[in-house]
Amino acid sequence: MSRVSNMLRTQRFDDYRYYHQSTVNQTLHLISAVIFLGCYALLFKDPALAGLVGWLAMLTRQTGHFFFEPNGYDAVNDVSNEYKEAVKVGYNQTRKIILLLVWGSTPLVLYVVPTLFGLFDPPAGRLDFIRHVGAVWLAIGIGGGLFRMIQLFLTRDVTTGLVWVFKVLTDPFHNIALYWKSPLKLLRGELIDTSIADADWSEEDAEEATHLT
């Protein structure tokens, strides 16, 4: 269990220090985390609506990554952006673009093939069409997570893949604990989280890790 907890802490810390330096991005992740909790609540009651809400949260997160996060040389961590993309455990920018292209093409595919080759009944109206889109988006989200997990099984090891999945599923709770002060930093004009340079999520202070910001 010590190895698993250390791996989880390392994945979370690397994600924080490498990919969440912008307080705009952190604030968008905070908003996204709250939306994701709503998605979790809807999963067993209305999966199609959960799919729509989940991708609204995902777009909020990725907007922060693509438009506000520094993409050049990372002076805080003394590594290049190419290095960070190469060692990324989860979805790096290339993988995210592919996933978002699949996501964005869903309404067009369902417009051309409304039943998705017999998977759905013909939509009776616009609401049915939207719900079908939501159901497919939910499948894409789950499928994308499972696909990357299997990739990690093959390219790294089973533990890394399972820890990454657990991290992703619990990120909304962790993001709220980690970034709840980010909107205040943003209002003060602090566009980059300066505390990252001094952050150290060692085993001794793991209990305090979620309170660094």
N, C-alpha and C. Protein backbone atom coordinates (compact mmCIF):
# COMPACT_ATOMS: atom_id res chain seq x y z
N MET A 1 0.82 -1.21 0.00
CA MET A 1 0.00 0.00 0.00
C MET A 1 0.85 1.25 0.00
N SER A 2 2.05 1.15 0.60
CA SER A 2 2.94 2.31 0.62
C SER A 2 3.34 2.70 -0.79
N ARG A 3 3.64 1.69 -1.64
CA ARG A 3 4.02 1.97 -3.01
C ARG A 3 2.87 2.62 -3.77
N VAL A 4 1.65 2.12 -3.56
CA VAL A 4 0.49 2.68 -4.24
C VAL A 4 0.24 4.12 -3.81
N SER A 5 0.30 4.39 -2.51
CA SER A 5 0.05 5.75 -2.03
C SER A 5 1.14 6.70 -2.51
N ASN A 6 2.39 6.23 -2.55
CA ASN A 6 3.49 7.06 -3.05
C ASN A 6 3.30 7.37 -4.54
N MET A 7 2.86 6.36 -5.30
CA MET A 7 2.64 6.55 -6.73
C MET A 7 1.49 7.53 -6.97
N LEU A 8 0.43 7.42 -6.17
CA LEU A 8 -0.70 8.34 -6.30
C LEU A 8 -0.27 9.76 -5.98
N ARG A 9 0.49 9.91 -4.90
CA ARG A 9 0.96 11.24 -4.52
C ARG A 9 1.87 11.83 -5.60
N THR A 10 2.73 11.00 -6.17
CA THR A 10 3.65 11.46 -7.21
C THR A 10 2.88 11.90 -8.45
N GLN A 11 1.89 11.09 -8.88
CA GLN A 11 1.09 11.46 -10.04
C GLN A 11 0.35 12.77 -9.80
N ARG A 12 -0.21 12.94 -8.62
CA ARG A 12 -0.94 14.17 -8.32
C ARG A 12 0.00 15.37 -8.25
N PHE A 13 1.17 15.18 -7.63
CA PHE A 13 2.10 16.28 -7.49
C PHE A 13 2.66 16.70 -8.85
N ASP A 14 3.01 15.72 -9.69
CA ASP A 14 3.51 16.04 -11.02
C ASP A 14 2.45 16.76 -11.84
N ASP A 15 1.21 16.32 -11.72
CA ASP A 15 0.11 16.97 -12.43
C ASP A 15 -0.05 18.41 -11.97
N TYR A 16 0.07 18.63 -10.67
CA TYR A 16 -0.06 19.98 -10.10
C TYR A 16 1.07 20.89 -10.54
N ARG A 17 2.31 20.45 -10.36
CA ARG A 17 3.43 21.36 -10.61
C ARG A 17 3.75 21.53 -12.09
N TYR A 18 3.46 20.52 -12.90
CA TYR A 18 3.75 20.62 -14.33
C TYR A 18 2.63 21.28 -15.12
N TYR A 19 1.37 21.02 -14.75
CA TYR A 19 0.25 21.36 -15.63
C TYR A 19 -0.78 22.31 -15.02
N HIS A 20 -0.54 22.81 -13.81
CA HIS A 20 -1.52 23.69 -13.19
C HIS A 20 -0.85 24.89 -12.52
N GLN A 21 0.01 25.55 -13.28
CA GLN A 21 0.70 26.72 -12.76
C GLN A 21 -0.14 27.99 -12.88
N SER A 22 -1.03 28.03 -13.87
CA SER A 22 -1.88 29.20 -14.08
C SER A 22 -3.03 29.21 -13.08
N THR A 23 -3.24 30.33 -12.43
CA THR A 23 -4.37 30.42 -11.50
C THR A 23 -5.70 30.48 -12.25
N VAL A 24 -5.67 30.91 -13.52
CA VAL A 24 -6.89 30.83 -14.34
C VAL A 24 -7.25 29.36 -14.55
N ASN A 25 -6.24 28.57 -14.91
CA ASN A 25 -6.45 27.14 -15.10
C ASN A 25 -6.92 26.48 -13.81
N GLN A 26 -6.31 26.84 -12.70
CA GLN A 26 -6.72 26.27 -11.41
C GLN A 26 -8.17 26.63 -11.10
N THR A 27 -8.56 27.87 -11.37
CA THR A 27 -9.93 28.30 -11.11
C THR A 27 -10.92 27.55 -12.00
N LEU A 28 -10.56 27.36 -13.26
CA LEU A 28 -11.41 26.59 -14.16
C LEU A 28 -11.50 25.13 -13.72
N HIS A 29 -10.43 24.60 -13.16
CA HIS A 29 -10.47 23.24 -12.62
C HIS A 29 -11.37 23.16 -11.39
N LEU A 30 -11.38 24.21 -10.59
CA LEU A 30 -12.27 24.25 -9.44
C LEU A 30 -13.73 24.22 -9.90
N ILE A 31 -14.05 25.05 -10.90
CA ILE A 31 -15.41 25.06 -11.46
C ILE A 31 -15.75 23.70 -12.05
N SER A 32 -14.80 23.16 -12.81
CA SER A 32 -14.99 21.85 -13.43
C SER A 32 -15.23 20.77 -12.39
N ALA A 33 -14.49 20.82 -11.30
CA ALA A 33 -14.63 19.81 -10.25
C ALA A 33 -16.04 19.81 -9.66
N VAL A 34 -16.58 21.00 -9.44
CA VAL A 34 -17.95 21.11 -8.90
C VAL A 34 -18.95 20.53 -9.91
N ILE A 35 -18.75 20.84 -11.20
CA ILE A 35 -19.64 20.30 -12.23
C ILE A 35 -19.53 18.78 -12.28
N PHE A 36 -18.29 18.25 -12.16
CA PHE A 36 -18.10 16.81 -12.18
C PHE A 36 -18.82 16.12 -11.03
N LEU A 37 -18.87 16.75 -9.88
CA LEU A 37 -19.61 16.15 -8.76
C LEU A 37 -21.09 16.03 -9.10
N GLY A 38 -21.60 17.03 -9.82
CA GLY A 38 -22.98 16.94 -10.30
C GLY A 38 -23.15 15.80 -11.28
N CYS A 39 -22.13 15.61 -12.13
CA CYS A 39 -22.15 14.50 -13.08
C CYS A 39 -22.18 13.16 -12.35
N TYR A 40 -21.36 13.03 -11.31
CA TYR A 40 -21.36 11.80 -10.52
C TYR A 40 -22.74 11.52 -9.93
N ALA A 41 -23.38 12.57 -9.45
CA ALA A 41 -24.70 12.40 -8.84
C ALA A 41 -25.74 11.95 -9.87
N LEU A 42 -25.54 12.34 -11.13
CA LEU A 42 -26.50 12.01 -12.18
C LEU A 42 -26.26 10.64 -12.82
N LEU A 43 -25.09 10.08 -12.62
CA LEU A 43 -24.69 8.88 -13.36
C LEU A 43 -25.72 7.75 -13.28
N PHE A 44 -26.22 7.48 -12.09
CA PHE A 44 -27.12 6.34 -11.92
C PHE A 44 -28.59 6.73 -12.12
N LYS A 45 -28.86 8.03 -12.17
CA LYS A 45 -30.23 8.49 -12.35
C LYS A 45 -30.53 8.81 -13.81
N ASP A 46 -29.58 9.46 -14.48
CA ASP A 46 -29.78 9.88 -15.87
C ASP A 46 -28.43 9.88 -16.58
N PRO A 47 -27.96 8.71 -17.06
CA PRO A 47 -26.63 8.62 -17.67
C PRO A 47 -26.43 9.56 -18.86
N ALA A 48 -27.46 9.74 -19.69
CA ALA A 48 -27.33 10.61 -20.86
C ALA A 48 -27.06 12.05 -20.43
N LEU A 49 -27.81 12.51 -19.43
CA LEU A 49 -27.58 13.87 -18.92
C LEU A 49 -26.21 13.95 -18.25
N ALA A 50 -25.80 12.89 -17.57
CA ALA A 50 -24.47 12.86 -16.95
C ALA A 50 -23.39 13.00 -18.01
N GLY A 51 -23.60 12.38 -19.17
CA GLY A 51 -22.63 12.51 -20.26
C GLY A 51 -22.52 13.94 -20.75
N LEU A 52 -23.64 14.64 -20.86
CA LEU A 52 -23.62 16.04 -21.28
C LEU A 52 -22.93 16.91 -20.24
N VAL A 53 -23.27 16.71 -18.98
CA VAL A 53 -22.69 17.51 -17.90
C VAL A 53 -21.20 17.21 -17.77
N GLY A 54 -20.83 15.93 -17.90
CA GLY A 54 -19.42 15.55 -17.76
C GLY A 54 -18.54 16.20 -18.80
N TRP A 55 -19.04 16.29 -20.04
CA TRP A 55 -18.22 16.91 -21.07
C TRP A 55 -18.22 18.43 -20.97
N LEU A 56 -19.23 19.01 -20.36
CA LEU A 56 -19.18 20.44 -20.05
C LEU A 56 -18.05 20.69 -19.07
N ALA A 57 -17.94 19.82 -18.06
CA ALA A 57 -16.85 19.93 -17.09
C ALA A 57 -15.50 19.72 -17.77
N MET A 58 -15.43 18.74 -18.67
CA MET A 58 -14.17 18.45 -19.36
C MET A 58 -13.72 19.62 -20.22
N LEU A 59 -14.65 20.25 -20.94
CA LEU A 59 -14.30 21.40 -21.76
C LEU A 59 -13.79 22.56 -20.91
N THR A 60 -14.41 22.73 -19.74
CA THR A 60 -13.95 23.78 -18.83
C THR A 60 -12.51 23.53 -18.42
N ARG A 61 -12.17 22.30 -18.10
CA ARG A 61 -10.81 21.94 -17.71
C ARG A 61 -9.82 22.16 -18.85
N GLN A 62 -10.19 21.66 -20.02
CA GLN A 62 -9.24 21.72 -21.13
C GLN A 62 -9.05 23.13 -21.66
N THR A 63 -10.05 23.99 -21.51
CA THR A 63 -9.87 25.40 -21.86
C THR A 63 -8.73 26.00 -21.06
N GLY A 64 -8.67 25.66 -19.77
CA GLY A 64 -7.58 26.14 -18.92
C GLY A 64 -6.23 25.64 -19.38
N HIS A 65 -6.15 24.38 -19.76
CA HIS A 65 -4.89 23.79 -20.20
C HIS A 65 -4.42 24.39 -21.52
N PHE A 66 -5.30 24.49 -22.49
CA PHE A 66 -4.90 24.87 -23.84
C PHE A 66 -4.66 26.37 -23.99
N PHE A 67 -5.38 27.20 -23.23
CA PHE A 67 -5.32 28.63 -23.48
C PHE A 67 -4.63 29.45 -22.39
N PHE A 68 -4.46 28.89 -21.20
CA PHE A 68 -3.92 29.69 -20.11
C PHE A 68 -2.64 29.13 -19.49
N GLU A 69 -2.39 27.84 -19.69
CA GLU A 69 -1.22 27.24 -19.06
C GLU A 69 0.02 27.54 -19.90
N PRO A 70 1.16 27.93 -19.26
CA PRO A 70 2.40 28.18 -20.00
C PRO A 70 2.83 26.92 -20.77
N ASN A 71 3.19 27.10 -22.04
CA ASN A 71 3.57 25.96 -22.88
C ASN A 71 5.03 25.96 -23.29
N GLY A 72 5.78 26.95 -22.86
CA GLY A 72 7.20 27.01 -23.22
C GLY A 72 8.05 26.26 -22.21
N TYR A 73 9.30 26.68 -22.10
CA TYR A 73 10.19 26.04 -21.13
C TYR A 73 9.69 26.29 -19.72
N ASP A 74 9.66 25.25 -18.91
CA ASP A 74 9.15 25.33 -17.54
C ASP A 74 10.31 25.66 -16.60
N ALA A 75 10.47 26.96 -16.31
CA ALA A 75 11.58 27.39 -15.45
C ALA A 75 11.37 26.96 -14.00
N VAL A 76 10.13 26.82 -13.58
CA VAL A 76 9.84 26.42 -12.20
C VAL A 76 10.39 25.02 -11.92
N ASN A 77 10.17 24.11 -12.86
CA ASN A 77 10.60 22.72 -12.68
C ASN A 77 11.87 22.38 -13.47
N ASP A 78 12.38 23.37 -14.23
CA ASP A 78 13.61 23.21 -15.00
C ASP A 78 13.51 22.05 -16.00
N VAL A 79 12.40 22.00 -16.72
CA VAL A 79 12.22 20.98 -17.76
C VAL A 79 11.55 21.63 -18.97
N SER A 80 11.72 21.02 -20.13
CA SER A 80 11.06 21.52 -21.34
C SER A 80 9.63 21.02 -21.41
N ASN A 81 8.82 21.70 -22.21
CA ASN A 81 7.45 21.26 -22.41
C ASN A 81 7.41 19.89 -23.10
N GLU A 82 8.39 19.65 -23.99
CA GLU A 82 8.47 18.37 -24.68
C GLU A 82 8.71 17.23 -23.69
N TYR A 83 9.53 17.51 -22.68
CA TYR A 83 9.79 16.48 -21.66
C TYR A 83 8.51 16.17 -20.89
N LYS A 84 7.79 17.20 -20.49
CA LYS A 84 6.56 17.00 -19.72
C LYS A 84 5.53 16.21 -20.53
N GLU A 85 5.43 16.53 -21.82
CA GLU A 85 4.48 15.81 -22.66
C GLU A 85 4.87 14.35 -22.83
N ALA A 86 6.17 14.09 -22.86
CA ALA A 86 6.65 12.71 -23.08
C ALA A 86 6.42 11.83 -21.86
N VAL A 87 6.55 12.41 -20.66
CA VAL A 87 6.46 11.60 -19.44
C VAL A 87 5.06 11.63 -18.82
N LYS A 88 4.14 12.39 -19.42
CA LYS A 88 2.79 12.51 -18.89
C LYS A 88 2.14 11.15 -18.73
N VAL A 89 1.65 10.84 -17.55
CA VAL A 89 1.03 9.55 -17.31
C VAL A 89 -0.33 9.47 -17.99
N GLY A 90 -1.11 10.52 -17.86
CA GLY A 90 -2.45 10.50 -18.44
C GLY A 90 -2.47 11.00 -19.86
N TYR A 91 -3.43 11.85 -20.19
CA TYR A 91 -3.58 12.36 -21.54
C TYR A 91 -2.74 13.61 -21.73
N ASN A 92 -1.70 13.53 -22.59
CA ASN A 92 -0.96 14.72 -22.95
C ASN A 92 -1.75 15.49 -24.00
N GLN A 93 -1.20 16.60 -24.51
CA GLN A 93 -1.98 17.45 -25.41
C GLN A 93 -2.35 16.73 -26.70
N THR A 94 -1.44 15.93 -27.24
CA THR A 94 -1.74 15.20 -28.47
C THR A 94 -2.90 14.24 -28.27
N ARG A 95 -2.86 13.49 -27.17
CA ARG A 95 -3.94 12.54 -26.89
C ARG A 95 -5.24 13.27 -26.63
N LYS A 96 -5.16 14.42 -25.95
CA LYS A 96 -6.37 15.20 -25.66
C LYS A 96 -7.00 15.71 -26.95
N ILE A 97 -6.18 16.17 -27.89
CA ILE A 97 -6.72 16.67 -29.15
C ILE A 97 -7.46 15.57 -29.89
N ILE A 98 -6.89 14.37 -29.92
CA ILE A 98 -7.55 13.24 -30.58
C ILE A 98 -8.88 12.94 -29.90
N LEU A 99 -8.87 12.91 -28.56
CA LEU A 99 -10.10 12.62 -27.81
C LEU A 99 -11.15 13.70 -28.06
N LEU A 100 -10.74 14.97 -28.09
CA LEU A 100 -11.69 16.06 -28.31
C LEU A 100 -12.23 16.05 -29.73
N LEU A 101 -11.42 15.61 -30.70
CA LEU A 101 -11.91 15.49 -32.07
C LEU A 101 -12.99 14.41 -32.16
N VAL A 102 -12.77 13.29 -31.45
CA VAL A 102 -13.79 12.23 -31.42
C VAL A 102 -15.05 12.76 -30.76
N TRP A 103 -14.88 13.47 -29.65
CA TRP A 103 -16.02 14.06 -28.95
C TRP A 103 -16.78 15.04 -29.84
N GLY A 104 -16.04 15.93 -30.51
CA GLY A 104 -16.68 16.96 -31.32
C GLY A 104 -17.38 16.42 -32.55
N SER A 105 -16.94 15.26 -33.02
CA SER A 105 -17.56 14.68 -34.22
C SER A 105 -18.85 13.93 -33.92
N THR A 106 -19.13 13.68 -32.64
CA THR A 106 -20.30 12.88 -32.27
C THR A 106 -21.62 13.46 -32.78
N PRO A 107 -21.93 14.75 -32.57
CA PRO A 107 -23.20 15.28 -33.09
C PRO A 107 -23.32 15.14 -34.60
N LEU A 108 -22.20 15.34 -35.32
CA LEU A 108 -22.24 15.21 -36.78
C LEU A 108 -22.53 13.77 -37.20
N VAL A 109 -21.88 12.82 -36.54
CA VAL A 109 -22.11 11.40 -36.85
C VAL A 109 -23.57 11.03 -36.59
N LEU A 110 -24.10 11.48 -35.44
CA LEU A 110 -25.49 11.15 -35.11
C LEU A 110 -26.48 11.88 -36.02
N TYR A 111 -26.09 13.02 -36.55
CA TYR A 111 -26.95 13.72 -37.51
C TYR A 111 -27.04 12.93 -38.81
N VAL A 112 -25.90 12.36 -39.22
CA VAL A 112 -25.86 11.58 -40.46
C VAL A 112 -26.45 10.19 -40.25
N VAL A 113 -26.16 9.58 -39.09
CA VAL A 113 -26.65 8.23 -38.78
C VAL A 113 -27.41 8.30 -37.45
N PRO A 114 -28.65 8.75 -37.45
CA PRO A 114 -29.39 9.04 -36.20
C PRO A 114 -29.51 7.84 -35.25
N THR A 115 -29.57 6.62 -35.80
CA THR A 115 -29.72 5.45 -34.93
C THR A 115 -28.37 4.86 -34.53
N LEU A 116 -27.30 5.41 -35.06
CA LEU A 116 -25.94 4.89 -34.84
C LEU A 116 -25.90 3.39 -35.10
N PHE A 117 -26.36 3.05 -36.32
CA PHE A 117 -26.35 1.66 -36.81
C PHE A 117 -27.18 0.72 -35.92
N GLY A 118 -28.33 1.24 -35.47
CA GLY A 118 -29.25 0.42 -34.71
C GLY A 118 -29.09 0.46 -33.21
N LEU A 119 -28.12 1.24 -32.73
CA LEU A 119 -27.92 1.33 -31.28
C LEU A 119 -29.04 2.10 -30.61
N PHE A 120 -29.59 3.11 -31.29
CA PHE A 120 -30.67 3.93 -30.75
C PHE A 120 -31.93 3.78 -31.61
N ASP A 121 -33.07 4.07 -30.98
CA ASP A 121 -34.29 4.23 -31.77
C ASP A 121 -34.18 5.57 -32.51
N PRO A 122 -34.86 5.70 -33.65
CA PRO A 122 -34.84 6.99 -34.36
C PRO A 122 -35.33 8.11 -33.43
N PRO A 123 -34.60 9.21 -33.33
CA PRO A 123 -35.01 10.28 -32.42
C PRO A 123 -36.33 10.91 -32.86
N ALA A 124 -37.22 11.09 -31.89
CA ALA A 124 -38.54 11.67 -32.19
C ALA A 124 -38.47 13.19 -32.28
N GLY A 125 -37.42 13.76 -31.75
CA GLY A 125 -37.28 15.21 -31.76
C GLY A 125 -35.89 15.62 -31.33
N ARG A 126 -35.72 16.92 -31.15
CA ARG A 126 -34.40 17.46 -30.81
C ARG A 126 -33.91 16.95 -29.46
N LEU A 127 -34.82 16.81 -28.50
CA LEU A 127 -34.43 16.36 -27.17
C LEU A 127 -33.86 14.94 -27.22
N ASP A 128 -34.50 14.07 -28.00
CA ASP A 128 -33.99 12.71 -28.15
C ASP A 128 -32.59 12.73 -28.76
N PHE A 129 -32.40 13.57 -29.77
CA PHE A 129 -31.09 13.68 -30.41
C PHE A 129 -30.03 14.10 -29.40
N ILE A 130 -30.36 15.09 -28.57
CA ILE A 130 -29.41 15.59 -27.57
C ILE A 130 -29.08 14.51 -26.56
N ARG A 131 -30.09 13.75 -26.15
CA ARG A 131 -29.86 12.68 -25.19
C ARG A 131 -29.00 11.57 -25.79
N HIS A 132 -29.18 11.29 -27.07
CA HIS A 132 -28.32 10.31 -27.73
C HIS A 132 -26.87 10.79 -27.76
N VAL A 133 -26.69 12.08 -28.02
CA VAL A 133 -25.35 12.66 -27.99
C VAL A 133 -24.73 12.49 -26.60
N GLY A 134 -25.52 12.77 -25.58
CA GLY A 134 -25.03 12.63 -24.20
C GLY A 134 -24.63 11.21 -23.88
N ALA A 135 -25.43 10.24 -24.34
CA ALA A 135 -25.11 8.83 -24.08
C ALA A 135 -23.80 8.43 -24.76
N VAL A 136 -23.61 8.90 -26.00
CA VAL A 136 -22.37 8.57 -26.71
C VAL A 136 -21.19 9.27 -26.05
N TRP A 137 -21.39 10.51 -25.62
CA TRP A 137 -20.30 11.23 -24.93
C TRP A 137 -19.89 10.51 -23.65
N LEU A 138 -20.87 9.97 -22.93
CA LEU A 138 -20.55 9.21 -21.72
C LEU A 138 -19.71 7.98 -22.07
N ALA A 139 -20.10 7.30 -23.15
CA ALA A 139 -19.35 6.12 -23.59
C ALA A 139 -17.93 6.50 -24.01
N ILE A 140 -17.79 7.65 -24.68
CA ILE A 140 -16.46 8.10 -25.10
C ILE A 140 -15.59 8.41 -23.89
N GLY A 141 -16.18 9.06 -22.88
CA GLY A 141 -15.42 9.37 -21.67
C GLY A 141 -14.94 8.12 -20.95
N ILE A 142 -15.86 7.17 -20.77
CA ILE A 142 -15.49 5.91 -20.11
C ILE A 142 -14.51 5.13 -20.96
N GLY A 143 -14.77 5.07 -22.27
CA GLY A 143 -13.89 4.34 -23.17
C GLY A 143 -12.50 4.95 -23.23
N GLY A 144 -12.43 6.28 -23.23
CA GLY A 144 -11.13 6.95 -23.26
C GLY A 144 -10.31 6.64 -22.02
N GLY A 145 -10.98 6.60 -20.86
CA GLY A 145 -10.28 6.25 -19.62
C GLY A 145 -9.79 4.82 -19.63
N LEU A 146 -10.65 3.90 -20.07
CA LEU A 146 -10.26 2.49 -20.12
C LEU A 146 -9.14 2.26 -21.13
N PHE A 147 -9.20 2.95 -22.27
CA PHE A 147 -8.17 2.81 -23.30
C PHE A 147 -6.80 3.23 -22.76
N ARG A 148 -6.76 4.38 -22.08
CA ARG A 148 -5.48 4.85 -21.54
C ARG A 148 -5.01 3.93 -20.41
N MET A 149 -5.93 3.42 -19.62
CA MET A 149 -5.55 2.49 -18.55
C MET A 149 -4.87 1.25 -19.13
N ILE A 150 -5.44 0.70 -20.20
CA ILE A 150 -4.85 -0.50 -20.83
C ILE A 150 -3.50 -0.15 -21.44
N GLN A 151 -3.39 1.05 -22.03
CA GLN A 151 -2.10 1.49 -22.56
C GLN A 151 -1.04 1.50 -21.46
N LEU A 152 -1.41 2.01 -20.29
CA LEU A 152 -0.47 2.06 -19.17
C LEU A 152 -0.14 0.66 -18.68
N PHE A 153 -1.12 -0.24 -18.70
CA PHE A 153 -0.84 -1.64 -18.35
C PHE A 153 0.29 -2.18 -19.23
N LEU A 154 0.22 -1.88 -20.53
CA LEU A 154 1.15 -2.45 -21.49
C LEU A 154 2.49 -1.73 -21.53
N THR A 155 2.45 -0.40 -21.38
CA THR A 155 3.69 0.39 -21.52
C THR A 155 4.41 0.61 -20.20
N ARG A 156 3.68 0.54 -19.08
CA ARG A 156 4.32 0.72 -17.78
C ARG A 156 4.05 -0.51 -16.92
N ASP A 157 2.99 -0.47 -16.12
CA ASP A 157 2.61 -1.65 -15.35
C ASP A 157 1.17 -1.49 -14.89
N VAL A 158 0.61 -2.57 -14.39
CA VAL A 158 -0.79 -2.58 -14.00
C VAL A 158 -1.05 -1.57 -12.87
N THR A 159 -0.14 -1.50 -11.91
CA THR A 159 -0.34 -0.59 -10.77
C THR A 159 -0.44 0.86 -11.23
N THR A 160 0.44 1.26 -12.15
CA THR A 160 0.41 2.64 -12.66
C THR A 160 -0.94 2.94 -13.30
N GLY A 161 -1.46 2.00 -14.09
CA GLY A 161 -2.75 2.21 -14.74
C GLY A 161 -3.89 2.33 -13.77
N LEU A 162 -3.91 1.44 -12.77
CA LEU A 162 -4.99 1.47 -11.78
C LEU A 162 -4.92 2.73 -10.91
N VAL A 163 -3.71 3.12 -10.54
CA VAL A 163 -3.55 4.34 -9.73
C VAL A 163 -3.99 5.55 -10.52
N TRP A 164 -3.66 5.59 -11.81
CA TRP A 164 -4.07 6.72 -12.64
C TRP A 164 -5.59 6.81 -12.71
N VAL A 165 -6.28 5.68 -12.90
CA VAL A 165 -7.74 5.68 -12.96
C VAL A 165 -8.33 6.19 -11.64
N PHE A 166 -7.78 5.72 -10.52
CA PHE A 166 -8.26 6.19 -9.22
C PHE A 166 -8.03 7.69 -9.08
N LYS A 167 -6.87 8.16 -9.52
CA LYS A 167 -6.57 9.59 -9.46
C LYS A 167 -7.59 10.40 -10.26
N VAL A 168 -7.89 9.95 -11.48
CA VAL A 168 -8.83 10.66 -12.34
C VAL A 168 -10.22 10.72 -11.70
N LEU A 169 -10.67 9.60 -11.16
CA LEU A 169 -12.00 9.54 -10.56
C LEU A 169 -12.11 10.40 -9.31
N THR A 170 -11.02 10.56 -8.59
CA THR A 170 -11.06 11.35 -7.34
C THR A 170 -10.54 12.76 -7.54
N ASP A 171 -10.12 13.11 -8.75
CA ASP A 171 -9.61 14.46 -9.01
C ASP A 171 -10.60 15.57 -8.64
N PRO A 172 -11.91 15.41 -8.90
CA PRO A 172 -12.82 16.50 -8.51
C PRO A 172 -12.74 16.85 -7.02
N PHE A 173 -12.67 15.84 -6.16
CA PHE A 173 -12.57 16.10 -4.72
C PHE A 173 -11.22 16.74 -4.39
N HIS A 174 -10.17 16.21 -4.99
CA HIS A 174 -8.83 16.71 -4.73
C HIS A 174 -8.65 18.13 -5.27
N ASN A 175 -9.22 18.40 -6.46
CA ASN A 175 -9.11 19.74 -7.04
C ASN A 175 -9.79 20.79 -6.18
N ILE A 176 -10.93 20.45 -5.60
CA ILE A 176 -11.61 21.41 -4.73
C ILE A 176 -10.76 21.73 -3.51
N ALA A 177 -10.15 20.69 -2.91
CA ALA A 177 -9.30 20.90 -1.75
C ALA A 177 -8.04 21.69 -2.11
N LEU A 178 -7.55 21.48 -3.33
CA LEU A 178 -6.28 22.08 -3.74
C LEU A 178 -6.42 23.50 -4.27
N TYR A 179 -7.52 23.77 -4.98
CA TYR A 179 -7.63 25.04 -5.72
C TYR A 179 -8.71 25.98 -5.20
N TRP A 180 -9.23 25.74 -3.99
CA TRP A 180 -10.33 26.58 -3.53
C TRP A 180 -9.91 28.04 -3.32
N LYS A 181 -8.61 28.30 -3.14
CA LYS A 181 -8.14 29.67 -2.97
C LYS A 181 -7.73 30.33 -4.29
N SER A 182 -7.72 29.56 -5.36
CA SER A 182 -7.24 30.09 -6.64
C SER A 182 -8.03 31.29 -7.15
N PRO A 183 -9.38 31.32 -7.04
CA PRO A 183 -10.09 32.52 -7.49
C PRO A 183 -9.65 33.79 -6.75
N LEU A 184 -9.32 33.66 -5.47
CA LEU A 184 -8.84 34.82 -4.72
C LEU A 184 -7.48 35.26 -5.22
N LYS A 185 -6.61 34.32 -5.53
CA LYS A 185 -5.30 34.66 -6.10
C LYS A 185 -5.48 35.37 -7.44
N LEU A 186 -6.41 34.87 -8.23
CA LEU A 186 -6.66 35.46 -9.53
C LEU A 186 -7.18 36.89 -9.39
N LEU A 187 -8.06 37.12 -8.44
CA LEU A 187 -8.58 38.47 -8.21
C LEU A 187 -7.49 39.43 -7.74
N ARG A 188 -6.48 38.88 -7.07
CA ARG A 188 -5.35 39.72 -6.64
C ARG A 188 -4.36 39.98 -7.76
N GLY A 189 -4.61 39.41 -8.94
CA GLY A 189 -3.73 39.62 -10.08
C GLY A 189 -2.58 38.64 -10.18
N GLU A 190 -2.61 37.57 -9.37
CA GLU A 190 -1.56 36.55 -9.40
C GLU A 190 -1.94 35.52 -10.47
N LEU A 191 -1.36 35.67 -11.65
CA LEU A 191 -1.72 34.80 -12.77
C LEU A 191 -1.00 33.46 -12.73
N ILE A 192 0.15 33.41 -12.04
CA ILE A 192 0.90 32.17 -11.90
C ILE A 192 1.01 31.84 -10.42
N ASP A 193 0.76 30.59 -10.06
CA ASP A 193 0.81 30.16 -8.67
C ASP A 193 2.27 30.09 -8.22
N THR A 194 2.70 31.10 -7.48
CA THR A 194 4.10 31.17 -7.07
C THR A 194 4.47 30.13 -6.01
N SER A 195 3.47 29.54 -5.36
CA SER A 195 3.77 28.56 -4.31
C SER A 195 4.29 27.24 -4.88
N ILE A 196 4.11 27.03 -6.19
CA ILE A 196 4.56 25.78 -6.80
C ILE A 196 6.07 25.61 -6.68
N ALA A 197 6.79 26.72 -6.80
CA ALA A 197 8.26 26.64 -6.76
C ALA A 197 8.76 26.06 -5.45
N ASP A 198 8.03 26.27 -4.36
CA ASP A 198 8.45 25.78 -3.04
C ASP A 198 7.68 24.55 -2.59
N ALA A 199 6.79 24.05 -3.44
CA ALA A 199 5.96 22.91 -3.04
C ALA A 199 6.79 21.63 -2.97
N ASP A 200 6.51 20.81 -1.98
CA ASP A 200 7.22 19.53 -1.81
C ASP A 200 6.26 18.55 -1.15
N TRP A 201 5.66 17.68 -1.96
CA TRP A 201 4.71 16.72 -1.42
C TRP A 201 5.44 15.45 -1.01
N SER A 202 6.37 15.57 -0.09
CA SER A 202 7.08 14.39 0.38
C SER A 202 6.17 13.56 1.26
N GLU A 203 6.61 12.35 1.57
CA GLU A 203 5.77 11.44 2.35
C GLU A 203 5.42 12.03 3.71
N GLU A 204 6.37 12.79 4.27
CA GLU A 204 6.15 13.34 5.61
C GLU A 204 5.02 14.34 5.64
N ASP A 205 4.89 15.16 4.52
CA ASP A 205 3.82 16.15 4.54
C ASP A 205 2.70 15.79 3.60
N ALA A 206 2.51 14.50 3.33
CA ALA A 206 1.42 14.09 2.44
C ALA A 206 0.06 14.51 3.00
N GLU A 207 -0.07 14.49 4.33
CA GLU A 207 -1.34 14.85 4.94
C GLU A 207 -1.69 16.32 4.66
N GLU A 208 -0.63 17.15 4.46
CA GLU A 208 -0.87 18.57 4.25
C GLU A 208 -0.87 18.93 2.78
N ALA A 209 -0.69 17.93 1.91
CA ALA A 209 -0.50 18.22 0.49
C ALA A 209 -1.64 19.00 -0.12
N THR A 210 -2.87 18.71 0.26
CA THR A 210 -4.01 19.36 -0.36
C THR A 210 -4.23 20.77 0.16
N HIS A 211 -3.37 21.22 1.07
CA HIS A 211 -3.56 22.57 1.61
C HIS A 211 -2.45 23.52 1.22
N LEU A 212 -1.64 23.13 0.23
CA LEU A 212 -0.52 23.98 -0.16
C LEU A 212 -0.97 25.31 -0.72
N THR A 213 -2.06 25.32 -1.45
CA THR A 213 -2.50 26.58 -2.03
C THR A 213 -3.68 27.15 -1.27
